[in-house]
N, C-alpha and C. Protein backbone atom coordinates (compact mmCIF):
# COMPACT_ATOMS: atom_id res chain seq x y z
N MET A 1 148.40 78.73 172.81
CA MET A 1 147.31 78.55 171.88
C MET A 1 147.13 77.07 171.59
N PRO A 2 146.33 76.41 172.37
CA PRO A 2 146.21 74.95 172.23
C PRO A 2 145.65 74.48 170.90
N ILE A 3 144.89 75.31 170.21
CA ILE A 3 144.30 74.86 168.95
C ILE A 3 145.37 74.50 167.92
N PHE A 4 146.56 75.11 168.04
CA PHE A 4 147.61 74.84 167.06
C PHE A 4 148.16 73.42 167.19
N ARG A 5 147.89 72.76 168.29
CA ARG A 5 148.32 71.37 168.47
C ARG A 5 147.27 70.38 167.97
N GLU A 6 146.09 70.87 167.63
CA GLU A 6 144.99 70.01 167.22
C GLU A 6 145.08 69.70 165.73
N THR A 7 144.69 68.48 165.39
CA THR A 7 144.61 68.11 163.98
C THR A 7 143.23 68.52 163.44
N LEU A 8 143.08 68.46 162.15
CA LEU A 8 141.78 68.75 161.56
C LEU A 8 140.72 67.80 162.11
N ASP A 9 141.06 66.51 162.20
CA ASP A 9 140.11 65.54 162.76
C ASP A 9 139.73 65.89 164.19
N ASP A 10 140.71 66.32 164.99
CA ASP A 10 140.42 66.74 166.37
C ASP A 10 139.40 67.87 166.40
N VAL A 11 139.61 68.84 165.54
CA VAL A 11 138.72 70.01 165.51
C VAL A 11 137.32 69.61 165.04
N LEU A 12 137.25 68.83 163.96
CA LEU A 12 135.94 68.40 163.46
C LEU A 12 135.22 67.52 164.48
N ASN A 13 135.95 66.64 165.17
CA ASN A 13 135.35 65.82 166.23
C ASN A 13 134.84 66.67 167.38
N TRP A 14 135.59 67.71 167.74
CA TRP A 14 135.13 68.61 168.79
C TRP A 14 133.82 69.27 168.38
N HIS A 15 133.75 69.74 167.13
CA HIS A 15 132.52 70.36 166.65
C HIS A 15 131.35 69.37 166.73
N ARG A 16 131.59 68.14 166.30
CA ARG A 16 130.52 67.13 166.35
C ARG A 16 130.11 66.83 167.79
N SER A 17 131.09 66.64 168.66
CA SER A 17 130.77 66.24 170.04
C SER A 17 130.11 67.35 170.85
N THR A 18 130.40 68.59 170.53
CA THR A 18 129.81 69.71 171.27
C THR A 18 128.57 70.26 170.60
N GLY A 19 128.32 69.81 169.36
CA GLY A 19 127.17 70.35 168.63
C GLY A 19 127.39 71.75 168.12
N THR A 20 128.64 72.19 168.08
CA THR A 20 128.97 73.53 167.59
C THR A 20 129.01 73.50 166.07
N PRO A 21 128.15 74.27 165.43
CA PRO A 21 128.11 74.22 163.95
C PRO A 21 129.34 74.87 163.33
N LEU A 22 129.74 74.32 162.20
CA LEU A 22 130.79 74.93 161.40
C LEU A 22 130.18 76.07 160.58
N HIS A 23 131.00 77.02 160.22
CA HIS A 23 130.53 78.06 159.30
C HIS A 23 130.14 77.37 158.00
N PRO A 24 129.04 77.78 157.38
CA PRO A 24 128.57 77.08 156.18
C PRO A 24 129.50 77.14 154.97
N VAL A 25 130.52 77.98 154.99
CA VAL A 25 131.43 78.04 153.84
C VAL A 25 132.38 76.83 153.81
N TYR A 26 132.59 76.16 154.95
CA TYR A 26 133.50 75.01 154.99
C TYR A 26 132.92 73.82 154.24
N ILE A 27 133.77 73.10 153.50
CA ILE A 27 133.30 71.96 152.73
C ILE A 27 132.69 70.89 153.65
N TRP A 28 133.15 70.79 154.88
CA TRP A 28 132.61 69.79 155.81
C TRP A 28 131.21 70.17 156.26
N ALA A 29 130.79 71.40 155.98
CA ALA A 29 129.44 71.85 156.33
C ALA A 29 128.60 72.04 155.07
N GLY A 30 129.10 71.53 153.93
CA GLY A 30 128.37 71.65 152.68
C GLY A 30 128.81 72.81 151.81
N GLY A 31 129.83 73.54 152.25
CA GLY A 31 130.31 74.70 151.50
C GLY A 31 131.37 74.34 150.49
N TRP A 32 132.27 75.28 150.23
CA TRP A 32 133.23 75.10 149.13
C TRP A 32 134.67 75.34 149.51
N LEU A 33 134.98 75.72 150.76
CA LEU A 33 136.37 76.01 151.13
C LEU A 33 136.86 75.12 152.27
N ARG A 34 138.15 74.74 152.19
CA ARG A 34 138.80 74.02 153.28
C ARG A 34 139.39 74.98 154.29
N ARG A 35 139.72 76.18 153.84
CA ARG A 35 140.33 77.20 154.70
C ARG A 35 139.54 78.48 154.49
N PHE A 36 139.18 79.12 155.58
CA PHE A 36 138.34 80.30 155.48
C PHE A 36 138.95 81.39 156.34
N SER A 37 139.45 82.42 155.69
CA SER A 37 140.01 83.55 156.44
C SER A 37 139.48 84.82 155.79
N CYS A 38 140.29 85.47 155.02
CA CYS A 38 139.84 86.66 154.30
C CYS A 38 138.89 86.23 153.18
N ARG A 39 138.10 87.15 152.71
CA ARG A 39 137.16 86.84 151.63
C ARG A 39 137.88 86.29 150.41
N VAL A 40 139.00 86.88 150.06
CA VAL A 40 139.92 86.35 149.05
C VAL A 40 141.30 86.43 149.70
N CYS A 41 141.88 85.29 149.99
CA CYS A 41 143.12 85.23 150.78
C CYS A 41 144.34 85.01 149.89
N ILE A 42 145.44 85.67 150.22
CA ILE A 42 146.68 85.47 149.46
C ILE A 42 147.20 84.04 149.59
N PHE A 43 146.76 83.33 150.61
CA PHE A 43 147.22 81.96 150.82
C PHE A 43 146.27 80.92 150.22
N ALA A 44 145.19 81.36 149.59
CA ALA A 44 144.24 80.44 148.97
C ALA A 44 144.91 79.68 147.84
N THR A 45 144.56 78.42 147.72
CA THR A 45 145.08 77.63 146.59
C THR A 45 144.32 78.04 145.33
N ASN A 46 144.85 77.67 144.18
CA ASN A 46 144.15 77.94 142.93
C ASN A 46 142.77 77.27 142.94
N GLU A 47 142.69 76.07 143.51
CA GLU A 47 141.41 75.38 143.63
C GLU A 47 140.43 76.20 144.49
N ASP A 48 140.92 76.72 145.60
CA ASP A 48 140.07 77.56 146.46
C ASP A 48 139.63 78.82 145.72
N LEU A 49 140.55 79.43 144.98
CA LEU A 49 140.19 80.64 144.22
C LEU A 49 139.11 80.34 143.19
N ARG A 50 139.19 79.19 142.54
CA ARG A 50 138.15 78.81 141.58
C ARG A 50 136.80 78.63 142.30
N ALA A 51 136.84 78.03 143.50
CA ALA A 51 135.60 77.84 144.27
C ALA A 51 135.04 79.18 144.72
N ILE A 52 135.91 80.09 145.13
CA ILE A 52 135.44 81.43 145.52
C ILE A 52 134.84 82.13 144.32
N HIS A 53 135.51 82.02 143.17
CA HIS A 53 135.00 82.67 141.96
C HIS A 53 133.61 82.13 141.60
N GLU A 54 133.42 80.84 141.76
CA GLU A 54 132.13 80.23 141.44
C GLU A 54 131.05 80.66 142.44
N ASN A 55 131.41 80.77 143.71
CA ASN A 55 130.43 81.03 144.76
C ASN A 55 130.35 82.49 145.20
N ASP A 56 131.37 83.27 144.92
CA ASP A 56 131.40 84.68 145.33
C ASP A 56 132.14 85.49 144.26
N PRO A 57 131.60 85.52 143.04
CA PRO A 57 132.32 86.20 141.94
C PRO A 57 132.57 87.67 142.21
N GLU A 58 131.72 88.30 143.01
CA GLU A 58 131.93 89.72 143.32
C GLU A 58 133.26 89.92 144.05
N ALA A 59 133.58 89.03 144.99
CA ALA A 59 134.83 89.15 145.73
C ALA A 59 136.03 89.04 144.81
N ILE A 60 136.00 88.05 143.92
CA ILE A 60 137.11 87.88 142.98
C ILE A 60 137.20 89.09 142.06
N GLY A 61 136.08 89.57 141.59
CA GLY A 61 136.06 90.72 140.70
C GLY A 61 136.67 91.96 141.34
N LEU A 62 136.36 92.19 142.60
CA LEU A 62 136.91 93.36 143.30
C LEU A 62 138.43 93.29 143.37
N VAL A 63 138.95 92.12 143.73
CA VAL A 63 140.41 91.98 143.85
C VAL A 63 141.08 91.98 142.48
N ALA A 64 140.48 91.30 141.51
CA ALA A 64 141.05 91.28 140.15
C ALA A 64 141.10 92.69 139.57
N ASP A 65 140.04 93.47 139.79
CA ASP A 65 140.04 94.86 139.31
C ASP A 65 141.11 95.69 140.01
N LEU A 66 141.26 95.48 141.30
CA LEU A 66 142.30 96.20 142.05
C LEU A 66 143.69 95.84 141.53
N GLU A 67 143.94 94.56 141.32
CA GLU A 67 145.23 94.14 140.77
C GLU A 67 145.52 94.84 139.45
N LYS A 68 144.51 94.90 138.60
CA LYS A 68 144.68 95.54 137.29
C LYS A 68 144.98 97.04 137.46
N ARG A 69 144.23 97.69 138.36
CA ARG A 69 144.39 99.13 138.57
C ARG A 69 145.77 99.49 139.12
N ILE A 70 146.28 98.69 140.06
CA ILE A 70 147.57 99.02 140.68
C ILE A 70 148.74 98.29 140.04
N ASN A 71 148.45 97.43 139.05
CA ASN A 71 149.49 96.67 138.36
C ASN A 71 150.35 95.86 139.33
N PHE A 72 149.66 95.15 140.23
CA PHE A 72 150.34 94.34 141.23
C PHE A 72 149.44 93.18 141.60
N SER A 73 150.02 92.00 141.78
CA SER A 73 149.24 90.82 142.13
C SER A 73 149.29 90.53 143.62
N MET A 74 148.20 90.05 144.15
CA MET A 74 148.16 89.63 145.55
C MET A 74 148.83 88.27 145.74
N ARG A 75 149.06 87.53 144.67
CA ARG A 75 149.63 86.19 144.77
C ARG A 75 151.15 86.26 144.93
N PRO A 76 151.70 85.45 145.82
CA PRO A 76 153.16 85.46 146.04
C PRO A 76 153.97 85.18 144.78
N ASN A 77 153.42 84.40 143.84
CA ASN A 77 154.16 84.07 142.62
C ASN A 77 153.99 85.12 141.52
N GLY A 78 153.22 86.18 141.79
CA GLY A 78 153.03 87.24 140.82
C GLY A 78 151.92 87.01 139.82
N GLN A 79 151.34 85.82 139.82
CA GLN A 79 150.25 85.53 138.89
C GLN A 79 148.99 86.27 139.38
N THR A 80 148.31 86.94 138.47
CA THR A 80 147.10 87.67 138.84
C THR A 80 145.92 86.72 138.96
N LEU A 81 144.89 87.17 139.64
CA LEU A 81 143.68 86.34 139.73
C LEU A 81 143.09 86.10 138.35
N SER A 82 143.15 87.09 137.49
CA SER A 82 142.66 86.91 136.13
C SER A 82 143.41 85.79 135.42
N GLN A 83 144.72 85.71 135.64
CA GLN A 83 145.50 84.65 135.03
C GLN A 83 145.17 83.29 135.67
N VAL A 84 145.07 83.24 136.97
CA VAL A 84 144.75 81.99 137.67
C VAL A 84 143.41 81.44 137.19
N LEU A 85 142.45 82.34 137.03
CA LEU A 85 141.09 81.93 136.72
C LEU A 85 140.76 82.00 135.23
N ASN A 86 141.76 82.37 134.42
CA ASN A 86 141.56 82.52 132.97
C ASN A 86 140.41 83.46 132.66
N LEU A 87 140.38 84.58 133.38
CA LEU A 87 139.36 85.58 133.15
C LEU A 87 139.80 86.48 132.00
N ALA A 88 138.85 87.02 131.31
CA ALA A 88 139.18 87.96 130.24
C ALA A 88 139.89 89.17 130.84
N ALA A 89 140.96 89.59 130.20
CA ALA A 89 141.76 90.70 130.73
C ALA A 89 141.08 92.03 130.51
């Protein structure tokens, strides 16, 4: 998998040189995320979660509601999305 040896600059330069557009969610394309995988990812930083909440509140709401219903957090440290985002419980 050669992409794993590439730096971020290498990847962005490849996109520029080939004219391949980035997905619009990436900050380098005018979006709000540096990493884009799942709609709400367990590996997202708190900063990314705040950006997702601002730009896709439905996604955060679905996961926050699920966490509340099953009494389990998707975050490795056990903090719920409601706690991370200071949402009303």
